[in-house]
C-alpha atoms as a PDB file:
ATOM      1  CA  ASN A   1     108.991  79.226 129.798  1.00  0.00           C
ATOM      2  CA  THR A   2     109.220  81.750 127.037  1.00  0.00           C
ATOM      3  CA  THR A   3     106.370  83.767 125.690  1.00  0.00           C
ATOM      4  CA  GLU A   4     106.667  84.684 121.986  1.00  0.00           C
ATOM      5  CA  VAL A   5     105.559  88.252 121.045  1.00  0.00           C
ATOM      6  CA  PRO A   6     103.335  88.359 117.901  1.00  0.00           C
ATOM      7  CA  VAL A   7     105.303  90.241 115.379  1.00  0.00           C
ATOM      8  CA  ALA A   8     102.971  92.622 112.694  1.00  0.00           C
ATOM      9  CA  VAL A   9     103.622  91.512 109.348  1.00  0.00           C
ATOM     10  CA  GLU A  10     103.056  94.231 106.569  1.00  0.00           C
ATOM     11  CA  THR A  11     100.626  93.218 103.871  1.00  0.00           C
ATOM     12  CA  LEU A  12      99.414  94.769 100.504  1.00  0.00           C
ATOM     13  CA  ASP A  13      96.509  96.314 102.540  1.00  0.00           C
ATOM     14  CA  ASP A  14      98.999  98.428 104.203  1.00  0.00           C
ATOM     15  CA  VAL A  15     100.401 100.095 101.134  1.00  0.00           C
ATOM     16  CA  PRO A  16      98.793 103.325 100.018  1.00  0.00           C
ATOM     17  CA  GLU A  17      97.033 103.256  96.854  1.00  0.00           C
ATOM     18  CA  HIS A  18      99.012 105.825  95.550  1.00  0.00           C
ATOM     19  CA  VAL A  19     102.354 103.912  95.850  1.00  0.00           C
ATOM     20  CA  LEU A  20     100.621 100.493  94.112  1.00  0.00           C
ATOM     21  CA  ARG A  21      99.495 102.649  91.349  1.00  0.00           C
ATOM     22  CA  GLY A  22     103.222 104.211  90.729  1.00  0.00           C
ATOM     23  CA  LEU A  23     104.977 100.867  90.390  1.00  0.00           C
ATOM     24  CA  PRO A  24     105.888 100.006  86.912  1.00  0.00           C
ATOM     25  CA  GLU A  25     104.496  97.035  85.219  1.00  0.00           C
ATOM     26  CA  ASP A  26     107.558  94.712  85.823  1.00  0.00           C
ATOM     27  CA  VAL A  27     107.740  95.785  89.615  1.00  0.00           C
ATOM     28  CA  ARG A  28     105.889  93.679  92.347  1.00  0.00           C
ATOM     29  CA  LEU A  29     105.643  93.937  96.087  1.00  0.00           C
ATOM     30  CA  PHE A  30     106.632  90.582  98.070  1.00  0.00           C
ATOM     31  CA  PRO A  31     107.889  89.837 101.383  1.00  0.00           C
ATOM     32  CA  SER A  32     111.438  91.631 101.757  1.00  0.00           C
ATOM     33  CA  ALA A  33     114.506  89.593 101.644  1.00  0.00           C
ATOM     34  CA  VAL A  34     116.012  91.646 104.332  1.00  0.00           C
ATOM     35  CA  ASP A  35     113.244  92.038 106.803  1.00  0.00           C
ATOM     36  CA  LYS A  36     110.483  89.085 106.764  1.00  0.00           C
ATOM     37  CA  THR A  37     107.981  91.544 108.453  1.00  0.00           C
ATOM     38  CA  ARG A  38     108.101  94.047 105.578  1.00  0.00           C
ATOM     39  CA  LEU A  39     107.367  94.132 102.094  1.00  0.00           C
ATOM     40  CA  GLY A  40     110.188  94.690  99.381  1.00  0.00           C
ATOM     41  CA  VAL A  41     110.322  95.636  95.907  1.00  0.00           C
ATOM     42  CA  TRP A  42     111.014  92.865  93.492  1.00  0.00           C
ATOM     43  CA  ALA A  43     111.387  93.086  89.817  1.00  0.00           C
ATOM     44  CA  THR A  44     109.902  90.671  87.823  1.00  0.00           C
ATOM     45  CA  LYS A  45     112.558  91.137  84.871  1.00  0.00           C
ATOM     46  CA  SER A  46     115.564  93.254  84.384  1.00  0.00           C
ATOM     47  CA  ILE A  47     115.482  96.886  84.750  1.00  0.00           C
ATOM     48  CA  LEU A  48     117.501  98.969  82.709  1.00  0.00           C
ATOM     49  CA  LYS A  49     119.908 101.210  84.418  1.00  0.00           C
ATOM     50  CA  GLY A  50     118.625 104.964  84.723  1.00  0.00           C
ATOM     51  CA  LYS A  51     114.672 103.706  84.471  1.00  0.00           C
ATOM     52  CA  LYS A  52     112.662 106.224  86.047  1.00  0.00           C
ATOM     53  CA  PHE A  53     109.368 105.415  87.747  1.00  0.00           C
ATOM     54  CA  GLY A  54     107.085 107.172  90.361  1.00  0.00           C
ATOM     55  CA  PRO A  55     105.848 109.676  91.516  1.00  0.00           C
ATOM     56  CA  PHE A  56     108.552 109.816  93.983  1.00  0.00           C
ATOM     57  CA  VAL A  57     107.249 110.414  97.959  1.00  0.00           C
ATOM     58  CA  GLY A  58     109.453 110.654 100.478  1.00  0.00           C
ATOM     59  CA  ASP A  59     112.829 112.241 101.474  1.00  0.00           C
ATOM     60  CA  LYS A  60     115.732 111.759  99.216  1.00  0.00           C
ATOM     61  CA  LYS A  61     118.685 110.360 100.267  1.00  0.00           C
ATOM     62  CA  LYS A  62     122.253 110.829  99.089  1.00  0.00           C
ATOM     63  CA  ARG A  63     124.173 107.186  98.027  1.00  0.00           C
ATOM     64  CA  SER A  64     126.191 107.578 101.249  1.00  0.00           C
ATOM     65  CA  GLN A  65     123.186 107.431 103.475  1.00  0.00           C
ATOM     66  CA  VAL A  66     121.691 104.256 101.959  1.00  0.00           C
END
């Protein structure tokens, strides 16, 4: 007899308003392809290399750290 523990799933209600406001027009938050309990960032059309959007909030990482 196994008991399944409910897993919390991140929703748009969990995302701070400033994050939603900072998303470019062609970017949306949908369930992650990597972790189904989290939201992921999805582009609705191609994003040009070097495109910047923000504001950035958090710790910057080196390429080798991601």
